Every structure is written in C-alpha cells, then in structure tokens.
C-alpha cells in the first residue's frame, strides 16, 4: 500500500512538471514575437524621442 501511494504521488508530480514545462514553452513561443515587435518599435521610436 505504501509503495503504491509513493508511485502515485511521483506520477502526479511528474505530470504536473511536464504540464508546467509545456505551459512555459508555449508562453515563450507567444512572447517571442511580442518582444521582437517591441524591440523593433523601440528602435523606430528612439530617434524621435531623442530629438
């Protein structure tokens, strides 16, 4: 009984970790274009703000 409980908790923890890793990768994939776009916009806006 004790061994079964331990394996069950290990499995749930591994499942949660993989889920969080997937979420993190998806967040990075969605954030990359936003970050690049903001950087490009910053490049264009910088000369105007400096003047």
PDB file of N, CA and C in Angstrom:
ATOM      1  N   UNK A   1       0.847  -1.210   0.000  1.00  0.00           N
ATOM      2  CA  UNK A   1       0.000   0.000   0.000  1.00  0.00           C
ATOM      3  C   UNK A   1       0.881   1.259   0.000  1.00  0.00           C
ATOM      4  N   UNK A   2       1.898   1.259   0.851  1.00  0.00           N
ATOM      5  CA  UNK A   2       2.770   2.427   0.956  1.00  0.00           C
ATOM      6  C   UNK A   2       3.510   2.681  -0.356  1.00  0.00           C
ATOM      7  N   UNK A   3       4.024   1.601  -0.976  1.00  0.00           N
ATOM      8  CA  UNK A   3       4.775   1.747  -2.234  1.00  0.00           C
ATOM      9  C   UNK A   3       3.853   2.296  -3.332  1.00  0.00           C
ATOM     10  N   UNK A   4       2.617   1.784  -3.385  1.00  0.00           N
ATOM     11  CA  UNK A   4       1.662   2.229  -4.413  1.00  0.00           C
ATOM     12  C   UNK A   4       1.393   3.727  -4.248  1.00  0.00           C
ATOM     13  N   UNK A   5       1.207   4.180  -3.007  1.00  0.00           N
ATOM     14  CA  UNK A   5       0.945   5.606  -2.764  1.00  0.00           C
ATOM     15  C   UNK A   5       2.128   6.448  -3.230  1.00  0.00           C
ATOM     16  N   UNK A   6       3.336   5.977  -2.922  1.00  0.00           N
ATOM     17  CA  UNK A   6       4.533   6.732  -3.309  1.00  0.00           C
ATOM     18  C   UNK A   6       4.632   6.857  -4.827  1.00  0.00           C
ATOM     19  N   UNK A   7       4.384   5.760  -5.542  1.00  0.00           N
ATOM     20  CA  UNK A   7       4.471   5.796  -7.005  1.00  0.00           C
ATOM     21  C   UNK A   7       3.390   6.731  -7.561  1.00  0.00           C
ATOM     22  N   UNK A   8       2.224   6.715  -6.939  1.00  0.00           N
ATOM     23  CA  UNK A   8       1.119   7.566  -7.406  1.00  0.00           C
ATOM     24  C   UNK A   8       1.513   9.040  -7.273  1.00  0.00           C
ATOM     25  N   UNK A   9       2.072   9.427  -6.137  1.00  0.00           N
ATOM     26  CA  UNK A   9       2.463  10.821  -5.923  1.00  0.00           C
ATOM     27  C   UNK A   9       3.573  11.203  -6.899  1.00  0.00           C
ATOM     28  N   UNK A  10       4.540  10.308  -7.124  1.00  0.00           N
ATOM     29  CA  UNK A  10       5.627  10.584  -8.076  1.00  0.00           C
ATOM     30  C   UNK A  10       5.054  10.822  -9.470  1.00  0.00           C
ATOM     31  N   UNK A  11       4.093   9.994  -9.870  1.00  0.00           N
ATOM     32  CA  UNK A  11       3.497  10.124 -11.205  1.00  0.00           C
ATOM     33  C   UNK A  11       2.768  11.466 -11.339  1.00  0.00           C
ATOM     34  N   UNK A  12       2.017  11.854 -10.302  1.00  0.00           N
ATOM     35  CA  UNK A  12       1.271  13.115 -10.362  1.00  0.00           C
ATOM     36  C   UNK A  12       2.246  14.288 -10.414  1.00  0.00           C
ATOM     37  N   UNK A  13       3.327  14.225  -9.649  1.00  0.00           N
ATOM     38  CA  UNK A  13       4.322  15.306  -9.645  1.00  0.00           C
ATOM     39  C   UNK A  13       4.968  15.419 -11.025  1.00  0.00           C
ATOM     40  N   UNK A  14       5.313  14.286 -11.635  1.00  0.00           N
ATOM     41  CA  UNK A  14       5.942  14.313 -12.966  1.00  0.00           C
ATOM     42  C   UNK A  14       4.960  14.870 -13.990  1.00  0.00           C
ATOM     43  N   UNK A  15       3.685  14.509 -13.865  1.00  0.00           N
ATOM     44  CA  UNK A  15       2.674  15.020 -14.784  1.00  0.00           C
ATOM     45  C   UNK A  15       2.546  16.535 -14.658  1.00  0.00           C
ATOM     46  N   UNK A  16       2.543  17.033 -13.411  1.00  0.00           N
ATOM     47  CA  UNK A  16       2.441  18.482 -13.198  1.00  0.00           C
ATOM     48  C   UNK A  16       3.666  19.195 -13.760  1.00  0.00           C
ATOM     49  N   UNK A  17       4.855  18.620 -13.547  1.00  0.00           N
ATOM     50  CA  UNK A  17       6.084  19.263 -14.028  1.00  0.00           C
ATOM     51  C   UNK A  17       6.075  19.338 -15.554  1.00  0.00           C
ATOM     52  N   UNK A  18       5.651  18.270 -16.224  1.00  0.00           N
ATOM     53  CA  UNK A  18       5.606  18.288 -17.691  1.00  0.00           C
ATOM     54  C   UNK A  18       4.583  19.312 -18.167  1.00  0.00           C
ATOM     55  N   UNK A  19       3.439  19.411 -17.468  1.00  0.00           N
ATOM     56  CA  UNK A  19       2.407  20.376 -17.832  1.00  0.00           C
ATOM     57  C   UNK A  19       2.949  21.799 -17.707  1.00  0.00           C
ATOM     58  N   UNK A  20       3.663  22.073 -16.619  1.00  0.00           N
ATOM     59  CA  UNK A  20       4.221  23.414 -16.416  1.00  0.00           C
ATOM     60  C   UNK A  20       5.299  23.708 -17.458  1.00  0.00           C
ATOM     61  N   UNK A  21       6.108  22.688 -17.815  1.00  0.00           N
ATOM     62  CA  UNK A  21       7.139  22.879 -18.839  1.00  0.00           C
ATOM     63  C   UNK A  21       6.488  23.222 -20.174  1.00  0.00           C
ATOM     64  N   UNK A  22       5.400  22.531 -20.517  1.00  0.00           N
ATOM     65  CA  UNK A  22       4.689  22.806 -21.773  1.00  0.00           C
ATOM     66  C   UNK A  22       4.135  24.221 -21.750  1.00  0.00           C
ATOM     67  N   UNK A  23       3.540  24.604 -20.605  1.00  0.00           N
ATOM     68  CA  UNK A  23       2.986  25.953 -20.485  1.00  0.00           C
ATOM     69  C   UNK A  23       4.076  26.997 -20.650  1.00  0.00           C
ATOM     70  N   UNK A  24       5.244  26.724 -20.049  1.00  0.00           N
ATOM     71  CA  UNK A  24       6.356  27.674 -20.139  1.00  0.00           C
ATOM     72  C   UNK A  24       6.808  27.829 -21.590  1.00  0.00           C
ATOM     73  N   UNK A  25       6.938  26.712 -22.302  1.00  0.00           N
ATOM     74  CA  UNK A  25       7.379  26.767 -23.706  1.00  0.00           C
ATOM     75  C   UNK A  25       6.352  27.521 -24.539  1.00  0.00           C
ATOM     76  N   UNK A  26       5.055  27.274 -24.285  1.00  0.00           N
ATOM     77  CA  UNK A  26       4.016  27.981 -25.036  1.00  0.00           C
ATOM     78  C   UNK A  26       4.086  29.480 -24.745  1.00  0.00           C
ATOM     79  N   UNK A  27       4.307  29.862 -23.472  1.00  0.00           N
ATOM     80  CA  UNK A  27       4.419  31.278 -23.122  1.00  0.00           C
ATOM     81  C   UNK A  27       5.591  31.916 -23.858  1.00  0.00           C
ATOM     82  N   UNK A  28       6.728  31.213 -23.919  1.00  0.00           N
ATOM     83  CA  UNK A  28       7.915  31.744 -24.610  1.00  0.00           C
ATOM     84  C   UNK A  28       7.609  31.919 -26.095  1.00  0.00           C
ATOM     85  N   UNK A  29       6.934  30.913 -26.702  1.00  0.00           N
ATOM     86  CA  UNK A  29       6.608  30.977 -28.139  1.00  0.00           C
ATOM     87  C   UNK A  29       5.711  32.176 -28.417  1.00  0.00           C
ATOM     88  N   UNK A  30       4.747  32.439 -27.517  1.00  0.00           N
ATOM     89  CA  UNK A  30       3.832  33.562 -27.717  1.00  0.00           C
ATOM     90  C   UNK A  30       4.500  34.893 -27.404  1.00  0.00           C
ATOM     91  N   UNK A  31       5.461  34.894 -26.453  1.00  0.00           N
ATOM     92  CA  UNK A  31       6.103  36.149 -26.044  1.00  0.00           C
ATOM     93  C   UNK A  31       7.205  36.580 -27.006  1.00  0.00           C
ATOM     94  N   UNK A  32       7.850  35.625 -27.694  1.00  0.00           N
ATOM     95  CA  UNK A  32       8.963  35.978 -28.593  1.00  0.00           C
ATOM     96  C   UNK A  32       8.567  37.016 -29.639  1.00  0.00           C
ATOM     97  N   UNK A  33       7.492  36.815 -30.419  1.00  0.00           N
ATOM     98  CA  UNK A  33       7.109  37.830 -31.406  1.00  0.00           C
ATOM     99  C   UNK A  33       6.762  39.163 -30.769  1.00  0.00           C
ATOM    100  N   UNK A  34       6.149  39.127 -29.583  1.00  0.00           N
ATOM    101  CA  UNK A  34       5.795  40.377 -28.892  1.00  0.00           C
ATOM    102  C   UNK A  34       7.061  41.128 -28.503  1.00  0.00           C
ATOM    103  N   UNK A  35       8.046  40.396 -27.963  1.00  0.00           N
ATOM    104  CA  UNK A  35       9.303  41.037 -27.549  1.00  0.00           C
ATOM    105  C   UNK A  35      10.043  41.596 -28.755  1.00  0.00           C
ATOM    106  N   UNK A  36      10.109  40.822 -29.827  1.00  0.00           N
ATOM    107  CA  UNK A  36      10.802  41.293 -31.033  1.00  0.00           C
ATOM    108  C   UNK A  36      10.087  42.510 -31.601  1.00  0.00           C
ATOM    109  N   UNK A  37       8.762  42.491 -31.622  1.00  0.00           N
ATOM    110  CA  UNK A  37       7.992  43.623 -32.122  1.00  0.00           C
ATOM    111  C   UNK A  37       8.243  44.865 -31.287  1.00  0.00           C
ATOM    112  N   UNK A  38       8.271  44.722 -29.964  1.00  0.00           N
ATOM    113  CA  UNK A  38       8.516  45.869 -29.088  1.00  0.00           C
ATOM    114  C   UNK A  38       9.925  46.406 -29.304  1.00  0.00           C
ATOM    115  N   UNK A  39      10.891  45.501 -29.520  1.00  0.00           N
ATOM    116  CA  UNK A  39      12.270  45.947 -29.770  1.00  0.00           C
ATOM    117  C   UNK A  39      12.348  46.735 -31.067  1.00  0.00           C
ATOM    118  N   UNK A  40      11.696  46.244 -32.114  1.00  0.00           N
ATOM    119  CA  UNK A  40      11.700  46.928 -33.417  1.00  0.00           C
ATOM    120  C   UNK A  40      11.026  48.294 -33.270  1.00  0.00           C
ATOM    121  N   UNK A  41       9.886  48.326 -32.563  1.00  0.00           N
ATOM    122  CA  UNK A  41       9.186  49.600 -32.345  1.00  0.00           C
ATOM    123  C   UNK A  41      10.072  50.555 -31.556  1.00  0.00           C
ATOM    124  N   UNK A  42      10.768  50.033 -30.548  1.00  0.00           N
ATOM    125  CA  UNK A  42      11.676  50.856 -29.752  1.00  0.00           C
ATOM    126  C   UNK A  42      12.783  51.449 -30.616  1.00  0.00           C
ATOM    127  N   UNK A  43      13.291  50.666 -31.544  1.00  0.00           N
ATOM    128  CA  UNK A  43      14.342  51.146 -32.456  1.00  0.00           C
ATOM    129  C   UNK A  43      13.818  52.310 -33.293  1.00  0.00           C
ATOM    130  N   UNK A  44      12.584  52.185 -33.761  1.00  0.00           N
ATOM    131  CA  UNK A  44      12.000  53.235 -34.608  1.00  0.00           C
ATOM    132  C   UNK A  44      11.655  54.482 -33.788  1.00  0.00           C
ATOM    133  N   UNK A  45      11.184  54.274 -32.560  1.00  0.00           N
ATOM    134  CA  UNK A  45      10.729  55.400 -31.728  1.00  0.00           C
ATOM    135  C   UNK A  45      11.917  56.133 -31.097  1.00  0.00           C
ATOM    136  N   UNK A  46      13.010  55.411 -30.788  1.00  0.00           N
ATOM    137  CA  UNK A  46      14.157  56.013 -30.091  1.00  0.00           C
ATOM    138  C   UNK A  46      14.670  57.304 -30.751  1.00  0.00           C
ATOM    139  N   UNK A  47      14.951  57.330 -32.059  1.00  0.00           N
ATOM    140  CA  UNK A  47      15.465  58.565 -32.668  1.00  0.00           C
ATOM    141  C   UNK A  47      14.491  59.736 -32.519  1.00  0.00           C
ATOM    142  N   UNK A  48      13.193  59.444 -32.585  1.00  0.00           N
ATOM    143  CA  UNK A  48      12.197  60.517 -32.459  1.00  0.00           C
ATOM    144  C   UNK A  48      12.165  61.055 -31.029  1.00  0.00           C
ATOM    145  N   UNK A  49      12.286  60.170 -30.049  1.00  0.00           N
ATOM    146  CA  UNK A  49      12.249  60.610 -28.658  1.00  0.00           C
ATOM    147  C   UNK A  49      13.528  61.363 -28.295  1.00  0.00           C
ATOM    148  N   UNK A  50      14.653  61.007 -28.904  1.00  0.00           N
ATOM    149  CA  UNK A  50      15.925  61.676 -28.609  1.00  0.00           C
ATOM    150  C   UNK A  50      15.915  63.112 -29.119  1.00  0.00           C
ATOM    151  N   UNK A  51      15.224  63.363 -30.223  1.00  0.00           N
ATOM    152  CA  UNK A  51      15.217  64.710 -30.827  1.00  0.00           C
ATOM    153  C   UNK A  51      14.470  65.709 -29.961  1.00  0.00           C
TER     154      UNK A  51
END
